[in-house]
Amino acid sequence: MEISWSDFEKIDMRVGTVLTVSDFPEARNPAYQLQIDFGPLGIKKTSAQVTTRYDKNELVGKQVVAVINFPQKTNCKFHE
């Protein structure tokens, strides 16, 4: 599926630093819960299905690129 340039321009991608990583046993598929610091935008919570690629300790302190203007959703009582 392709998106238009005008749709792409609406995406707000930012670099943030992973502060905390914890297991997310309630998730349907293996995942971690992350808190990411986006500087002036504050700390955001999200989940990531990267348990087969990364150990929790490897992610803390890493910088990641994230889309931050998705609407908030609730995933197993975890607000992302």
PDB file of N, CA and C in Angstrom:
ATOM      1  N   MET A   1       0.840  -1.178   0.000  1.00  0.00           N
ATOM      2  CA  MET A   1       0.000   0.000   0.000  1.00  0.00           C
ATOM      3  C   MET A   1       0.886   1.242   0.000  1.00  0.00           C
ATOM      4  N   GLU A   2       0.555   2.175  -0.836  1.00  0.00           N
ATOM      5  CA  GLU A   2       1.287   3.431  -0.897  1.00  0.00           C
ATOM      6  C   GLU A   2       0.474   4.526  -0.229  1.00  0.00           C
ATOM      7  N   ILE A   3       1.185   5.506   0.329  1.00  0.00           N
ATOM      8  CA  ILE A   3       0.506   6.681   0.871  1.00  0.00           C
ATOM      9  C   ILE A   3       0.963   7.897   0.074  1.00  0.00           C
ATOM     10  N   SER A   4       0.156   8.923   0.120  1.00  0.00           N
ATOM     11  CA  SER A   4       0.502  10.140  -0.609  1.00  0.00           C
ATOM     12  C   SER A   4       1.521  10.951   0.186  1.00  0.00           C
ATOM     13  N   TRP A   5       2.169  11.880  -0.514  1.00  0.00           N
ATOM     14  CA  TRP A   5       3.136  12.753   0.156  1.00  0.00           C
ATOM     15  C   TRP A   5       2.444  13.572   1.236  1.00  0.00           C
ATOM     16  N   SER A   6       1.227  14.032   0.969  1.00  0.00           N
ATOM     17  CA  SER A   6       0.513  14.836   1.972  1.00  0.00           C
ATOM     18  C   SER A   6       0.210  14.009   3.221  1.00  0.00           C
ATOM     19  N   ASP A   7      -0.062  12.711   3.067  1.00  0.00           N
ATOM     20  CA  ASP A   7      -0.255  11.849   4.237  1.00  0.00           C
ATOM     21  C   ASP A   7       1.052  11.682   5.002  1.00  0.00           C
ATOM     22  N   PHE A   8       2.153  11.503   4.276  1.00  0.00           N
ATOM     23  CA  PHE A   8       3.454  11.347   4.920  1.00  0.00           C
ATOM     24  C   PHE A   8       3.817  12.586   5.732  1.00  0.00           C
ATOM     25  N   GLU A   9       3.485  13.757   5.219  1.00  0.00           N
ATOM     26  CA  GLU A   9       3.805  15.002   5.918  1.00  0.00           C
ATOM     27  C   GLU A   9       3.078  15.134   7.255  1.00  0.00           C
ATOM     28  N   LYS A  10       2.006  14.397   7.443  1.00  0.00           N
ATOM     29  CA  LYS A  10       1.249  14.447   8.696  1.00  0.00           C
ATOM     30  C   LYS A  10       1.903  13.620   9.804  1.00  0.00           C
ATOM     31  N   ILE A  11       2.823  12.746   9.446  1.00  0.00           N
ATOM     32  CA  ILE A  11       3.474  11.874  10.423  1.00  0.00           C
ATOM     33  C   ILE A  11       4.498  12.678  11.214  1.00  0.00           C
ATOM     34  N   ASP A  12       4.412  12.602  12.550  1.00  0.00           N
ATOM     35  CA  ASP A  12       5.357  13.303  13.426  1.00  0.00           C
ATOM     36  C   ASP A  12       6.304  12.266  14.023  1.00  0.00           C
ATOM     37  N   MET A  13       7.490  12.142  13.422  1.00  0.00           N
ATOM     38  CA  MET A  13       8.487  11.185  13.895  1.00  0.00           C
ATOM     39  C   MET A  13       9.530  11.930  14.715  1.00  0.00           C
ATOM     40  N   ARG A  14       9.850  11.382  15.886  1.00  0.00           N
ATOM     41  CA  ARG A  14      10.825  12.004  16.776  1.00  0.00           C
ATOM     42  C   ARG A  14      11.791  10.955  17.300  1.00  0.00           C
ATOM     43  N   VAL A  15      12.954  11.422  17.707  1.00  0.00           N
ATOM     44  CA  VAL A  15      13.944  10.561  18.346  1.00  0.00           C
ATOM     45  C   VAL A  15      13.787  10.715  19.847  1.00  0.00           C
ATOM     46  N   GLY A  16      13.742   9.584  20.546  1.00  0.00           N
ATOM     47  CA  GLY A  16      13.641   9.587  21.997  1.00  0.00           C
ATOM     48  C   GLY A  16      14.599   8.576  22.594  1.00  0.00           C
ATOM     49  N   THR A  17      14.813   8.697  23.898  1.00  0.00           N
ATOM     50  CA  THR A  17      15.711   7.796  24.617  1.00  0.00           C
ATOM     51  C   THR A  17      14.895   6.874  25.508  1.00  0.00           C
ATOM     52  N   VAL A  18      15.129   5.579  25.394  1.00  0.00           N
ATOM     53  CA  VAL A  18      14.409   4.593  26.202  1.00  0.00           C
ATOM     54  C   VAL A  18      14.876   4.711  27.651  1.00  0.00           C
ATOM     55  N   LEU A  19      13.911   4.952  28.557  1.00  0.00           N
ATOM     56  CA  LEU A  19      14.220   5.088  29.982  1.00  0.00           C
ATOM     57  C   LEU A  19      14.036   3.784  30.739  1.00  0.00           C
ATOM     58  N   THR A  20      12.898   3.126  30.507  1.00  0.00           N
ATOM     59  CA  THR A  20      12.605   1.877  31.216  1.00  0.00           C
ATOM     60  C   THR A  20      12.021   0.860  30.245  1.00  0.00           C
ATOM     61  N   VAL A  21      12.274  -0.401  30.553  1.00  0.00           N
ATOM     62  CA  VAL A  21      11.732  -1.516  29.775  1.00  0.00           C
ATOM     63  C   VAL A  21      11.261  -2.564  30.767  1.00  0.00           C
ATOM     64  N   SER A  22      10.025  -3.019  30.601  1.00  0.00           N
ATOM     65  CA  SER A  22       9.515  -4.069  31.486  1.00  0.00           C
ATOM     66  C   SER A  22       8.753  -5.095  30.658  1.00  0.00           C
ATOM     67  N   ASP A  23       8.628  -6.288  31.208  1.00  0.00           N
ATOM     68  CA  ASP A  23       7.871  -7.338  30.539  1.00  0.00           C
ATOM     69  C   ASP A  23       6.407  -6.931  30.444  1.00  0.00           C
ATOM     70  N   PHE A  24       5.719  -7.455  29.449  1.00  0.00           N
ATOM     71  CA  PHE A  24       4.307  -7.161  29.224  1.00  0.00           C
ATOM     72  C   PHE A  24       3.568  -8.491  29.074  1.00  0.00           C
ATOM     73  N   PRO A  25       3.402  -9.227  30.186  1.00  0.00           N
ATOM     74  CA  PRO A  25       2.831 -10.575  30.102  1.00  0.00           C
ATOM     75  C   PRO A  25       1.377 -10.609  29.626  1.00  0.00           C
ATOM     76  N   GLU A  26       0.653  -9.487  29.751  1.00  0.00           N
ATOM     77  CA  GLU A  26      -0.755  -9.456  29.328  1.00  0.00           C
ATOM     78  C   GLU A  26      -0.921  -9.332  27.817  1.00  0.00           C
ATOM     79  N   ALA A  27       0.126  -8.994  27.111  1.00  0.00           N
ATOM     80  CA  ALA A  27       0.043  -8.809  25.658  1.00  0.00           C
ATOM     81  C   ALA A  27      -0.237 -10.134  24.957  1.00  0.00           C
ATOM     82  N   ARG A  28      -0.969 -10.062  23.851  1.00  0.00           N
ATOM     83  CA  ARG A  28      -1.273 -11.270  23.069  1.00  0.00           C
ATOM     84  C   ARG A  28      -0.014 -11.929  22.537  1.00  0.00           C
ATOM     85  N   ASN A  29       0.898 -11.121  22.052  1.00  0.00           N
ATOM     86  CA  ASN A  29       2.187 -11.602  21.556  1.00  0.00           C
ATOM     87  C   ASN A  29       3.274 -11.067  22.480  1.00  0.00           C
ATOM     88  N   PRO A  30       4.376 -11.792  22.644  1.00  0.00           N
ATOM     89  CA  PRO A  30       5.431 -11.335  23.551  1.00  0.00           C
ATOM     90  C   PRO A  30       5.858  -9.899  23.226  1.00  0.00           C
ATOM     91  N   ALA A  31       5.884  -9.060  24.272  1.00  0.00           N
ATOM     92  CA  ALA A  31       6.202  -7.644  24.072  1.00  0.00           C
ATOM     93  C   ALA A  31       6.795  -7.058  25.344  1.00  0.00           C
ATOM     94  N   TYR A  32       7.401  -5.894  25.188  1.00  0.00           N
ATOM     95  CA  TYR A  32       7.891  -5.103  26.315  1.00  0.00           C
ATOM     96  C   TYR A  32       7.058  -3.831  26.419  1.00  0.00           C
ATOM     97  N   GLN A  33       6.966  -3.299  27.629  1.00  0.00           N
ATOM     98  CA  GLN A  33       6.427  -1.965  27.857  1.00  0.00           C
ATOM     99  C   GLN A  33       7.619  -1.032  27.984  1.00  0.00           C
ATOM    100  N   LEU A  34       7.566   0.090  27.292  1.00  0.00           N
ATOM    101  CA  LEU A  34       8.678   1.033  27.308  1.00  0.00           C
ATOM    102  C   LEU A  34       8.203   2.417  27.730  1.00  0.00           C
ATOM    103  N   GLN A  35       9.085   3.136  28.411  1.00  0.00           N
ATOM    104  CA  GLN A  35       8.907   4.558  28.643  1.00  0.00           C
ATOM    105  C   GLN A  35      10.040   5.235  27.894  1.00  0.00           C
ATOM    106  N   ILE A  36       9.673   6.198  27.048  1.00  0.00           N
ATOM    107  CA  ILE A  36      10.646   6.858  26.180  1.00  0.00           C
ATOM    108  C   ILE A  36      10.594   8.357  26.422  1.00  0.00           C
ATOM    109  N   ASP A  37      11.759   8.967  26.617  1.00  0.00           N
ATOM    110  CA  ASP A  37      11.864  10.406  26.856  1.00  0.00           C
ATOM    111  C   ASP A  37      12.052  11.122  25.523  1.00  0.00           C
ATOM    112  N   PHE A  38      11.093  11.981  25.186  1.00  0.00           N
ATOM    113  CA  PHE A  38      11.156  12.768  23.964  1.00  0.00           C
ATOM    114  C   PHE A  38      11.482  14.229  24.252  1.00  0.00           C
ATOM    115  N   GLY A  39      12.251  14.462  25.307  1.00  0.00           N
ATOM    116  CA  GLY A  39      12.696  15.819  25.635  1.00  0.00           C
ATOM    117  C   GLY A  39      11.536  16.739  25.949  1.00  0.00           C
ATOM    118  N   PRO A  40      11.409  17.866  25.225  1.00  0.00           N
ATOM    119  CA  PRO A  40      10.362  18.846  25.516  1.00  0.00           C
ATOM    120  C   PRO A  40       8.943  18.288  25.386  1.00  0.00           C
ATOM    121  N   LEU A  41       8.779  17.197  24.655  1.00  0.00           N
ATOM    122  CA  LEU A  41       7.453  16.591  24.490  1.00  0.00           C
ATOM    123  C   LEU A  41       7.089  15.686  25.658  1.00  0.00           C
ATOM    124  N   GLY A  42       8.047  15.390  26.510  1.00  0.00           N
ATOM    125  CA  GLY A  42       7.790  14.580  27.692  1.00  0.00           C
ATOM    126  C   GLY A  42       8.077  13.104  27.491  1.00  0.00           C
ATOM    127  N   ILE A  43       7.663  12.344  28.486  1.00  0.00           N
ATOM    128  CA  ILE A  43       7.872  10.897  28.492  1.00  0.00           C
ATOM    129  C   ILE A  43       6.602  10.227  27.990  1.00  0.00           C
ATOM    130  N   LYS A  44       6.763   9.354  27.018  1.00  0.00           N
ATOM    131  CA  LYS A  44       5.635   8.631  26.428  1.00  0.00           C
ATOM    132  C   LYS A  44       5.789   7.143  26.711  1.00  0.00           C
ATOM    133  N   LYS A  45       4.644   6.460  26.819  1.00  0.00           N
ATOM    134  CA  LYS A  45       4.632   5.011  27.025  1.00  0.00           C
ATOM    135  C   LYS A  45       4.208   4.326  25.736  1.00  0.00           C
ATOM    136  N   THR A  46       4.787   3.166  25.500  1.00  0.00           N
ATOM    137  CA  THR A  46       4.400   2.369  24.347  1.00  0.00           C
ATOM    138  C   THR A  46       4.754   0.911  24.615  1.00  0.00           C
ATOM    139  N   SER A  47       4.353   0.046  23.710  1.00  0.00           N
ATOM    140  CA  SER A  47       4.770  -1.353  23.792  1.00  0.00           C
ATOM    141  C   SER A  47       5.451  -1.715  22.481  1.00  0.00           C
ATOM    142  N   ALA A  48       6.326  -2.704  22.544  1.00  0.00           N
ATOM    143  CA  ALA A  48       7.068  -3.120  21.354  1.00  0.00           C
ATOM    144  C   ALA A  48       7.248  -4.627  21.364  1.00  0.00           C
ATOM    145  N   GLN A  49       6.940  -5.242  20.245  1.00  0.00           N
ATOM    146  CA  GLN A  49       7.105  -6.688  20.101  1.00  0.00           C
ATOM    147  C   GLN A  49       8.502  -6.978  19.567  1.00  0.00           C
ATOM    148  N   VAL A  50       9.489  -6.761  20.417  1.00  0.00           N
ATOM    149  CA  VAL A  50      10.891  -6.944  20.019  1.00  0.00           C
ATOM    150  C   VAL A  50      11.621  -7.904  20.954  1.00  0.00           C
ATOM    151  N   THR A  51      10.866  -8.736  21.664  1.00  0.00           N
ATOM    152  CA  THR A  51      11.464  -9.617  22.673  1.00  0.00           C
ATOM    153  C   THR A  51      12.409 -10.656  22.078  1.00  0.00           C
ATOM    154  N   THR A  52      12.200 -11.034  20.824  1.00  0.00           N
ATOM    155  CA  THR A  52      13.096 -12.024  20.207  1.00  0.00           C
ATOM    156  C   THR A  52      14.366 -11.380  19.664  1.00  0.00           C
ATOM    157  N   ARG A  53      14.369 -10.072  19.541  1.00  0.00           N
ATOM    158  CA  ARG A  53      15.531  -9.362  18.984  1.00  0.00           C
ATOM    159  C   ARG A  53      16.396  -8.692  20.044  1.00  0.00           C
ATOM    160  N   TYR A  54      15.776  -8.273  21.151  1.00  0.00           N
ATOM    161  CA  TYR A  54      16.506  -7.509  22.167  1.00  0.00           C
ATOM    162  C   TYR A  54      16.204  -8.009  23.564  1.00  0.00           C
ATOM    163  N   ASP A  55      17.217  -8.017  24.409  1.00  0.00           N
ATOM    164  CA  ASP A  55      17.051  -8.222  25.835  1.00  0.00           C
ATOM    165  C   ASP A  55      16.636  -6.872  26.428  1.00  0.00           C
ATOM    166  N   LYS A  56      15.880  -6.896  27.513  1.00  0.00           N
ATOM    167  CA  LYS A  56      15.419  -5.640  28.127  1.00  0.00           C
ATOM    168  C   LYS A  56      16.572  -4.691  28.420  1.00  0.00           C
ATOM    169  N   ASN A  57      17.652  -5.218  28.970  1.00  0.00           N
ATOM    170  CA  ASN A  57      18.783  -4.369  29.357  1.00  0.00           C
ATOM    171  C   ASN A  57      19.465  -3.708  28.165  1.00  0.00           C
ATOM    172  N   GLU A  58      19.376  -4.329  26.997  1.00  0.00           N
ATOM    173  CA  GLU A  58      19.979  -3.750  25.795  1.00  0.00           C
ATOM    174  C   GLU A  58      19.267  -2.480  25.349  1.00  0.00           C
ATOM    175  N   LEU A  59      17.986  -2.376  25.649  1.00  0.00           N
ATOM    176  CA  LEU A  59      17.192  -1.259  25.140  1.00  0.00           C
ATOM    177  C   LEU A  59      17.317   0.011  25.975  1.00  0.00           C
ATOM    178  N   VAL A  60      17.568  -0.130  27.267  1.00  0.00           N
ATOM    179  CA  VAL A  60      17.655   1.046  28.139  1.00  0.00           C
ATOM    180  C   VAL A  60      18.811   1.929  27.679  1.00  0.00           C
ATOM    181  N   GLY A  61      18.511   3.208  27.477  1.00  0.00           N
ATOM    182  CA  GLY A  61      19.513   4.164  27.030  1.00  0.00           C
ATOM    183  C   GLY A  61      19.625   4.294  25.521  1.00  0.00           C
ATOM    184  N   LYS A  62      19.010   3.384  24.784  1.00  0.00           N
ATOM    185  CA  LYS A  62      19.066   3.449  23.319  1.00  0.00           C
ATOM    186  C   LYS A  62      18.164   4.568  22.811  1.00  0.00           C
ATOM    187  N   GLN A  63      18.552   5.143  21.691  1.00  0.00           N
ATOM    188  CA  GLN A  63      17.697   6.113  21.033  1.00  0.00           C
ATOM    189  C   GLN A  63      16.895   5.399  19.960  1.00  0.00           C
ATOM    190  N   VAL A  64      15.620   5.769  19.876  1.00  0.00           N
ATOM    191  CA  VAL A  64      14.707   5.147  18.930  1.00  0.00           C
ATOM    192  C   VAL A  64      13.944   6.235  18.181  1.00  0.00           C
ATOM    193  N   VAL A  65      13.492   5.897  16.993  1.00  0.00           N
ATOM    194  CA  VAL A  65      12.626   6.788  16.224  1.00  0.00           C
ATOM    195  C   VAL A  65      11.205   6.272  16.386  1.00  0.00           C
ATOM    196  N   ALA A  66      10.277   7.182  16.703  1.00  0.00           N
ATOM    197  CA  ALA A  66       8.894   6.773  16.922  1.00  0.00           C
ATOM    198  C   ALA A  66       7.938   7.789  16.312  1.00  0.00           C
ATOM    199  N   VAL A  67       6.807   7.300  15.852  1.00  0.00           N
ATOM    200  CA  VAL A  67       5.722   8.177  15.420  1.00  0.00           C
ATOM    201  C   VAL A  67       4.962   8.550  16.685  1.00  0.00           C
ATOM    202  N   ILE A  68       4.878   9.849  16.977  1.00  0.00           N
ATOM    203  CA  ILE A  68       4.268  10.245  18.249  1.00  0.00           C
ATOM    204  C   ILE A  68       2.878  10.852  18.104  1.00  0.00           C
ATOM    205  N   ASN A  69       2.352  10.920  16.901  1.00  0.00           N
ATOM    206  CA  ASN A  69       1.020  11.500  16.759  1.00  0.00           C
ATOM    207  C   ASN A  69      -0.047  10.473  16.383  1.00  0.00           C
ATOM    208  N   PHE A  70       0.189   9.208  16.730  1.00  0.00           N
ATOM    209  CA  PHE A  70      -0.891   8.231  16.649  1.00  0.00           C
ATOM    210  C   PHE A  70      -1.865   8.520  17.783  1.00  0.00           C
ATOM    211  N   PRO A  71      -3.159   8.238  17.609  1.00  0.00           N
ATOM    212  CA  PRO A  71      -4.082   8.424  18.732  1.00  0.00           C
ATOM    213  C   PRO A  71      -3.763   7.434  19.853  1.00  0.00           C
ATOM    214  N   GLN A  72      -4.080   7.849  21.088  1.00  0.00           N
ATOM    215  CA  GLN A  72      -3.826   6.971  22.237  1.00  0.00           C
ATOM    216  C   GLN A  72      -4.700   5.731  22.124  1.00  0.00           C
ATOM    217  N   LYS A  73      -4.131   4.594  22.523  1.00  0.00           N
ATOM    218  CA  LYS A  73      -4.917   3.362  22.546  1.00  0.00           C
ATOM    219  C   LYS A  73      -4.623   2.620  23.834  1.00  0.00           C
ATOM    220  N   THR A  74      -5.542   1.744  24.208  1.00  0.00           N
ATOM    221  CA  THR A  74      -5.362   0.928  25.400  1.00  0.00           C
ATOM    222  C   THR A  74      -5.106  -0.499  24.960  1.00  0.00           C
ATOM    223  N   ASN A  75      -4.023  -1.057  25.469  1.00  0.00           N
ATOM    224  CA  ASN A  75      -3.619  -2.413  25.136  1.00  0.00           C
ATOM    225  C   ASN A  75      -3.482  -3.174  26.449  1.00  0.00           C
ATOM    226  N   CYS A  76      -4.473  -4.013  26.777  1.00  0.00           N
ATOM    227  CA  CYS A  76      -4.448  -4.788  28.025  1.00  0.00           C
ATOM    228  C   CYS A  76      -4.286  -3.869  29.240  1.00  0.00           C
ATOM    229  N   LYS A  77      -5.104  -2.843  29.336  1.00  0.00           N
ATOM    230  CA  LYS A  77      -5.096  -1.880  30.449  1.00  0.00           C
ATOM    231  C   LYS A  77      -3.827  -1.038  30.499  1.00  0.00           C
ATOM    232  N   PHE A  78      -3.053  -1.027  29.436  1.00  0.00           N
ATOM    233  CA  PHE A  78      -1.840  -0.225  29.333  1.00  0.00           C
ATOM    234  C   PHE A  78      -2.103   0.854  28.300  1.00  0.00           C
ATOM    235  N   HIS A  79      -2.124   2.106  28.730  1.00  0.00           N
ATOM    236  CA  HIS A  79      -2.413   3.224  27.825  1.00  0.00           C
ATOM    237  C   HIS A  79      -1.157   3.634  27.083  1.00  0.00           C
ATOM    238  N   GLU A  80      -1.216   3.533  25.774  1.00  0.00           N
ATOM    239  CA  GLU A  80      -0.064   3.899  24.933  1.00  0.00           C
ATOM    240  C   GLU A  80      -0.329   5.245  24.297  1.00  0.00           C
TER     241      GLU A  80
END
